[in-house]
Amino acid sequence: MTYLLTVYRALECRPDTYRDWYDQGNILKERMDYFGALISYEKALEYYPDDYWAWYKRGMILEDLGMYEEAAESYANAAQVKDDNYWAWYDQGCVYLQELKDYQKAIACFQRALSHSPGDYWAAYRQGEAYRLLKNYERAITFYDLALGARPRDYWAWYRRGDAFRDWGNPQEALFNYRTALDIRPQDYWSWYQQGVILQELQRLPEAIACYEELLKIDQDDRYAWYNLACCYAALGQQEKAINCLREALDIEPDICGELARNNFVFDGLRQNETFNDLLSCYSPS
C-alpha cells in the first residue's frame, strides 16, 4: 500500500513519466484492478510506444478482461518490438488457439515461438493441438512427437496423439497411445474410456468390458460405462448381465440411457425379454 501511494505521488509531480505509469500498471495488476492497470499501461505506451513489456502486460490484462482480439493484437505489437521474444509469440498463439479458435493464426504464432526455442514442449504441443483441431492429423502427430522428444512421459501428448490417430481412422495406433497414457496415469478416466469405445467398435468385447470395469473402479456412477457394458453383454448374448448393467445406467441417467436403449439395435435380441421391457417401461418418460 505504501508503494502504491508513492507511485501516485510521483505521478502527481511527473505525470508524463513512462516508468511511473508502467510501475502503477504492475501494482494495479497485482491488486487485480485490471481496468486501472490497462489505463496505466496505455498511458505508459503514449510516452514509450516501442516498449515491449507494456505491450506484453497490456495483452495479459486484456486476456484477464476477456478481450481476446485486443489481447492478441497487443501481443502482436510486443512481438513486433522484440521479434525474437518467445513469450509474445507463444501467448498470442494461445489466445488464437483457445479463445478465438483461429487455428491457422495459432499455428503461425507457435511456429515463430518454436523458431526461437526449437526444443520447447509447450509450443510444439499447442501446435499439434491446432493441427488436430484443423483435422490435419498427420501434422498434428509430427508436433506431438516433437513435444514427446522434450517430455517422453508426458500424459497429454500421448493422449492427444491417440485422439489424432483415432480421428484419422487408425484405431490400433490410437489404442497404443491411450495405453501409453495409462502407463503414466493408471487411474485416468478418459484413457480407459477411449480404449473401451475403440475395442467395442472393433468387436473386441471382452477387452472392452475390462476397460469399462476399470472405469467403474474410478467412478462407480458413470452412466456411460454402465450403458456400454450393457451393450457389450447384449452383443455377447449375455442377457442377464446386459439387463443388470442397463438397470444401473438407468438409475443414474434414465432419460438419456432409456432413449439410447430404445433405439439401439444391439438390444434387439432382448426386445421379447419381459424383464428388459419392464425395465424400460419403468423408466419411460411420463
Protein backbone atom coordinates (compact mmCIF):
# COMPACT_ATOMS: atom_id res chain seq x y z
CA MET A 1 0.00 0.00 0.00
CA THR A 2 2.88 2.38 0.85
CA TYR A 3 4.47 1.79 -2.54
CA LEU A 4 1.13 2.31 -4.28
CA LEU A 5 0.78 5.71 -2.60
CA THR A 6 4.39 6.52 -3.51
CA VAL A 7 3.66 5.83 -7.16
CA TYR A 8 0.56 8.01 -7.14
CA ARG A 9 2.55 10.87 -5.52
CA ALA A 10 5.23 10.56 -8.18
CA LEU A 11 2.56 10.78 -10.87
CA GLU A 12 1.19 13.95 -9.34
CA CYS A 13 4.62 15.50 -9.73
CA ARG A 14 5.61 13.97 -13.08
CA PRO A 15 2.51 12.85 -14.99
CA ASP A 16 4.48 12.35 -18.20
CA THR A 17 6.84 9.70 -16.79
CA TYR A 18 6.73 6.37 -18.58
CA ARG A 19 8.26 4.46 -15.70
CA ASP A 20 5.72 5.66 -13.14
CA TRP A 21 2.77 4.72 -15.35
CA TYR A 22 4.31 1.32 -16.04
CA ASP A 23 5.03 0.66 -12.35
CA GLN A 24 1.50 1.71 -11.45
CA GLY A 25 0.17 -0.76 -14.02
CA ASN A 26 2.17 -3.56 -12.40
CA ILE A 27 0.87 -2.69 -8.93
CA LEU A 28 -2.75 -2.47 -10.06
CA LYS A 29 -2.37 -5.74 -11.95
CA GLU A 30 -1.24 -7.45 -8.73
CA ARG A 31 -4.25 -5.93 -6.95
CA MET A 32 -6.47 -7.36 -9.76
CA ASP A 33 -7.62 -3.85 -10.68
CA TYR A 34 -7.47 -4.77 -14.35
CA PHE A 35 -9.15 -1.70 -15.78
CA GLY A 36 -6.84 0.55 -13.78
CA ALA A 37 -3.83 -1.47 -14.91
CA LEU A 38 -4.97 -1.28 -18.53
CA ILE A 39 -5.24 2.51 -18.38
CA SER A 40 -1.80 2.73 -16.78
CA TYR A 41 -0.10 0.57 -19.42
CA GLU A 42 -1.79 2.57 -22.18
CA LYS A 43 -0.56 5.82 -20.63
CA ALA A 44 2.94 4.35 -20.46
CA LEU A 45 2.71 3.45 -24.15
CA GLU A 46 1.76 7.02 -25.04
CA TYR A 47 5.22 8.07 -23.88
CA TYR A 48 7.15 4.98 -24.96
CA PRO A 49 5.26 3.33 -27.86
CA ASP A 50 8.00 0.79 -28.53
CA ASP A 51 8.12 -0.72 -25.05
CA TYR A 52 7.90 -4.50 -25.22
CA TRP A 53 6.83 -5.04 -21.61
CA ALA A 54 3.98 -2.52 -21.63
CA TRP A 55 2.53 -4.11 -24.79
CA TYR A 56 3.03 -7.62 -23.39
CA LYS A 57 1.46 -6.91 -19.99
CA ARG A 58 -1.35 -4.99 -21.66
CA GLY A 59 -2.03 -8.24 -23.55
CA MET A 60 -2.14 -10.16 -20.28
CA ILE A 61 -4.61 -7.68 -18.80
CA LEU A 62 -6.84 -7.80 -21.87
CA GLU A 63 -6.89 -11.61 -21.60
CA ASP A 64 -7.97 -11.32 -17.97
CA LEU A 65 -10.76 -8.99 -19.10
CA GLY A 66 -11.90 -11.42 -21.80
CA MET A 67 -10.97 -9.01 -24.60
CA TYR A 68 -9.23 -11.62 -26.70
CA GLU A 69 -8.97 -9.89 -30.09
CA GLU A 70 -7.38 -6.89 -28.39
CA ALA A 71 -5.09 -9.17 -26.36
CA ALA A 72 -3.83 -10.90 -29.49
CA GLU A 73 -3.18 -7.53 -31.10
CA SER A 74 -1.27 -6.34 -28.04
CA TYR A 75 0.91 -9.47 -28.05
CA ALA A 76 1.49 -8.92 -31.78
CA ASN A 77 2.71 -5.38 -31.05
CA ALA A 78 5.04 -6.76 -28.38
CA ALA A 79 6.38 -9.28 -30.89
CA GLN A 80 6.90 -6.51 -33.41
CA VAL A 81 9.10 -4.70 -30.90
CA LYS A 82 11.02 -7.87 -29.97
CA ASP A 83 10.61 -10.26 -32.85
CA ASP A 84 12.89 -12.82 -31.21
CA ASN A 85 10.93 -12.99 -27.95
CA TYR A 86 9.35 -16.40 -27.36
CA TRP A 87 6.61 -15.33 -24.96
CA ALA A 88 4.86 -12.74 -27.12
CA TRP A 89 4.52 -15.29 -29.93
CA TYR A 90 3.53 -18.15 -27.62
CA ASP A 91 0.88 -16.24 -25.66
CA GLN A 92 -0.52 -14.79 -28.87
CA GLY A 93 -0.79 -18.35 -30.21
CA CYS A 94 -2.60 -19.50 -27.07
CA VAL A 95 -5.21 -16.74 -27.47
CA TYR A 96 -5.82 -17.72 -31.10
CA LEU A 97 -5.95 -21.43 -30.21
CA GLN A 98 -8.01 -21.46 -27.03
CA GLU A 99 -10.16 -18.34 -27.18
CA LEU A 100 -10.55 -17.18 -30.79
CA LYS A 101 -10.41 -20.68 -32.38
CA ASP A 102 -8.35 -19.26 -35.25
CA TYR A 103 -6.13 -22.29 -35.68
CA GLN A 104 -4.21 -21.06 -38.71
CA LYS A 105 -3.08 -17.94 -36.88
CA ALA A 106 -2.28 -20.04 -33.82
CA ILE A 107 -0.03 -22.28 -35.93
CA ALA A 108 1.82 -19.27 -37.34
CA CYS A 109 2.45 -17.92 -33.84
CA PHE A 110 3.61 -21.22 -32.38
CA GLN A 111 5.91 -21.71 -35.36
CA ARG A 112 7.55 -18.37 -34.58
CA ALA A 113 7.85 -19.35 -30.91
CA LEU A 114 9.50 -22.63 -31.92
CA SER A 115 11.92 -20.82 -34.19
CA HIS A 116 13.23 -19.03 -31.09
CA SER A 117 13.03 -22.06 -28.78
CA PRO A 118 13.23 -25.16 -31.02
CA GLY A 119 13.00 -27.78 -28.29
CA ASP A 120 10.12 -26.17 -26.42
CA TYR A 121 7.50 -28.64 -25.26
CA TRP A 122 4.59 -26.22 -24.96
CA ALA A 123 4.85 -24.55 -28.36
CA ALA A 124 5.20 -27.97 -30.03
CA TYR A 125 2.25 -29.44 -28.09
CA ARG A 126 0.00 -26.45 -28.78
CA GLN A 127 0.90 -26.53 -32.45
CA GLY A 128 -0.08 -30.19 -32.50
CA GLU A 129 -3.40 -29.24 -30.94
CA ALA A 130 -4.03 -26.57 -33.58
CA TYR A 131 -3.34 -29.03 -36.40
CA ARG A 132 -5.53 -31.69 -34.75
CA LEU A 133 -8.43 -29.26 -34.48
CA LEU A 134 -7.95 -28.43 -38.17
CA LYS A 135 -8.19 -32.20 -38.82
CA ASN A 136 -4.65 -32.25 -40.21
CA TYR A 137 -3.81 -35.33 -38.19
CA GLU A 138 -0.51 -36.17 -39.85
CA ARG A 139 0.94 -32.75 -38.99
CA ALA A 140 -0.57 -32.92 -35.51
CA ILE A 141 1.23 -36.21 -34.83
CA THR A 142 4.50 -34.70 -36.06
CA PHE A 143 4.28 -31.98 -33.43
CA TYR A 144 3.15 -34.32 -30.67
CA ASP A 145 6.27 -36.33 -31.49
CA LEU A 146 8.33 -33.16 -31.16
CA ALA A 147 6.72 -32.47 -27.78
CA LEU A 148 7.45 -36.03 -26.66
CA GLY A 149 11.07 -35.52 -27.62
CA ALA A 150 11.18 -32.89 -24.88
CA ARG A 151 8.97 -34.81 -22.41
CA PRO A 152 8.89 -38.53 -23.26
CA ARG A 153 6.44 -39.37 -20.46
CA ASP A 154 4.01 -36.53 -20.96
CA TYR A 155 0.46 -37.76 -20.48
CA TRP A 156 -1.25 -35.13 -22.62
CA ALA A 157 0.96 -35.54 -25.67
CA TRP A 158 0.36 -39.32 -25.67
CA TYR A 159 -3.37 -38.90 -25.06
CA ARG A 160 -3.90 -36.30 -27.79
CA ARG A 161 -1.70 -38.32 -30.14
CA GLY A 162 -4.19 -41.14 -29.53
CA ASP A 163 -7.06 -38.79 -30.37
CA ALA A 164 -5.35 -37.85 -33.63
CA PHE A 165 -4.85 -41.48 -34.66
CA ARG A 166 -8.44 -42.32 -33.67
CA ASP A 167 -9.90 -39.48 -35.74
CA TRP A 168 -7.52 -40.30 -38.60
CA GLY A 169 -9.01 -43.80 -38.75
CA ASN A 170 -6.15 -45.76 -37.19
CA PRO A 171 -7.66 -47.45 -34.12
CA GLN A 172 -4.70 -49.74 -33.45
CA GLU A 173 -2.27 -46.83 -33.14
CA ALA A 174 -4.84 -44.96 -31.06
CA LEU A 175 -5.04 -47.89 -28.64
CA PHE A 176 -1.26 -47.96 -28.29
CA ASN A 177 -1.20 -44.26 -27.44
CA TYR A 178 -4.03 -44.47 -24.91
CA ARG A 179 -2.29 -47.41 -23.24
CA THR A 180 0.92 -45.43 -23.04
CA ALA A 181 -1.01 -42.54 -21.48
CA LEU A 182 -2.39 -45.03 -18.95
CA ASP A 183 1.11 -46.19 -18.07
CA ILE A 184 1.74 -42.61 -16.99
CA ARG A 185 -1.64 -42.08 -15.27
CA PRO A 186 -3.04 -45.52 -14.38
CA GLN A 187 -6.23 -44.07 -12.87
CA ASP A 188 -7.06 -41.81 -15.81
CA TYR A 189 -10.75 -41.98 -16.67
CA TRP A 190 -10.52 -40.81 -20.27
CA SER A 191 -7.78 -43.18 -21.41
CA TRP A 192 -9.78 -46.15 -20.11
CA TYR A 193 -12.94 -44.79 -21.72
CA GLN A 194 -11.38 -44.18 -25.14
CA GLN A 195 -9.85 -47.65 -25.14
CA GLY A 196 -13.19 -49.18 -24.23
CA VAL A 197 -15.02 -47.39 -27.03
CA ILE A 198 -12.44 -48.38 -29.66
CA LEU A 199 -12.34 -52.00 -28.52
CA GLN A 200 -16.14 -52.09 -28.57
CA GLU A 201 -16.18 -50.73 -32.13
CA LEU A 202 -13.61 -53.39 -33.10
CA GLN A 203 -15.88 -56.06 -31.57
CA ARG A 204 -13.15 -56.98 -29.09
CA LEU A 205 -15.87 -57.11 -26.49
CA PRO A 206 -14.18 -58.92 -23.56
CA GLU A 207 -11.35 -56.36 -23.70
CA ALA A 208 -13.85 -53.51 -23.90
CA ILE A 209 -15.68 -54.92 -20.87
CA ALA A 210 -12.40 -54.99 -18.93
CA CYS A 211 -11.85 -51.29 -19.73
CA TYR A 212 -15.35 -50.28 -18.63
CA GLU A 213 -14.93 -52.26 -15.41
CA GLU A 214 -11.74 -50.30 -14.74
CA LEU A 215 -13.72 -47.12 -15.34
CA LEU A 216 -16.24 -48.14 -12.71
CA LYS A 217 -13.44 -48.55 -10.18
CA ILE A 218 -12.69 -44.87 -10.77
CA ASP A 219 -16.32 -43.70 -10.90
CA GLN A 220 -18.98 -46.26 -10.00
CA ASP A 221 -21.75 -43.85 -11.01
CA ASP A 222 -20.58 -43.34 -14.58
CA ARG A 223 -23.65 -43.82 -16.75
CA TYR A 224 -21.74 -44.37 -19.99
CA ALA A 225 -19.60 -47.12 -18.51
CA TRP A 226 -22.71 -48.98 -17.30
CA TYR A 227 -24.56 -48.39 -20.57
CA ASN A 228 -21.64 -49.50 -22.74
CA LEU A 229 -21.20 -52.58 -20.55
CA ALA A 230 -24.87 -53.38 -21.18
CA CYS A 231 -24.26 -53.04 -24.93
CA CYS A 232 -21.24 -55.35 -24.80
CA TYR A 233 -23.07 -58.03 -22.83
CA ALA A 234 -26.10 -57.76 -25.13
CA ALA A 235 -23.84 -58.24 -28.17
CA LEU A 236 -22.36 -61.33 -26.48
CA GLY A 237 -25.84 -62.71 -25.81
CA GLN A 238 -25.42 -62.46 -22.03
CA GLN A 239 -28.87 -61.09 -21.41
CA GLU A 240 -28.96 -61.13 -17.63
CA LYS A 241 -25.71 -59.18 -17.35
CA ALA A 242 -26.88 -56.78 -20.05
CA ILE A 243 -30.12 -56.07 -18.17
CA ASN A 244 -28.33 -55.63 -14.83
CA CYS A 245 -25.87 -53.14 -16.32
CA LEU A 246 -28.63 -51.28 -18.13
CA ARG A 247 -30.54 -51.02 -14.85
CA GLU A 248 -27.52 -49.32 -13.26
CA ALA A 249 -27.28 -46.88 -16.17
CA LEU A 250 -30.99 -46.07 -15.99
CA ASP A 251 -30.80 -45.47 -12.25
CA ILE A 252 -28.14 -42.82 -12.91
CA GLU A 253 -29.48 -41.19 -16.10
CA PRO A 254 -32.92 -42.53 -17.02
CA ASP A 255 -33.80 -40.13 -19.84
CA ILE A 256 -30.58 -40.37 -21.85
CA CYS A 257 -29.89 -44.06 -21.30
CA GLY A 258 -33.52 -45.03 -21.75
CA GLU A 259 -33.69 -43.27 -25.11
CA LEU A 260 -30.42 -44.86 -26.21
CA ALA A 261 -31.60 -48.35 -25.24
CA ARG A 262 -34.93 -47.99 -27.04
CA ASN A 263 -33.18 -47.14 -30.31
CA ASN A 264 -30.03 -49.27 -30.22
CA PHE A 265 -30.17 -52.37 -32.41
CA VAL A 266 -27.74 -54.17 -30.10
CA PHE A 267 -30.70 -54.73 -27.76
CA ASP A 268 -32.93 -56.23 -30.47
CA GLY A 269 -32.28 -59.69 -29.06
CA LEU A 270 -33.85 -58.59 -25.77
CA ARG A 271 -37.00 -57.00 -27.19
CA GLN A 272 -39.00 -60.12 -26.33
CA ASN A 273 -37.47 -60.35 -22.85
CA GLU A 274 -40.12 -59.46 -20.27
CA THR A 275 -37.59 -58.21 -17.71
CA PHE A 276 -35.98 -55.94 -20.29
CA ASN A 277 -39.33 -54.48 -21.38
CA ASP A 278 -40.48 -54.00 -17.79
CA LEU A 279 -37.22 -52.20 -17.05
CA LEU A 280 -37.65 -49.79 -19.95
CA SER A 281 -41.30 -49.24 -19.03
CA CYS A 282 -40.30 -48.21 -15.51
CA TYR A 283 -38.06 -45.50 -16.96
CA SER A 284 -40.34 -44.34 -19.77
CA PRO A 285 -40.93 -40.58 -19.99
CA SER A 286 -44.25 -39.63 -18.41
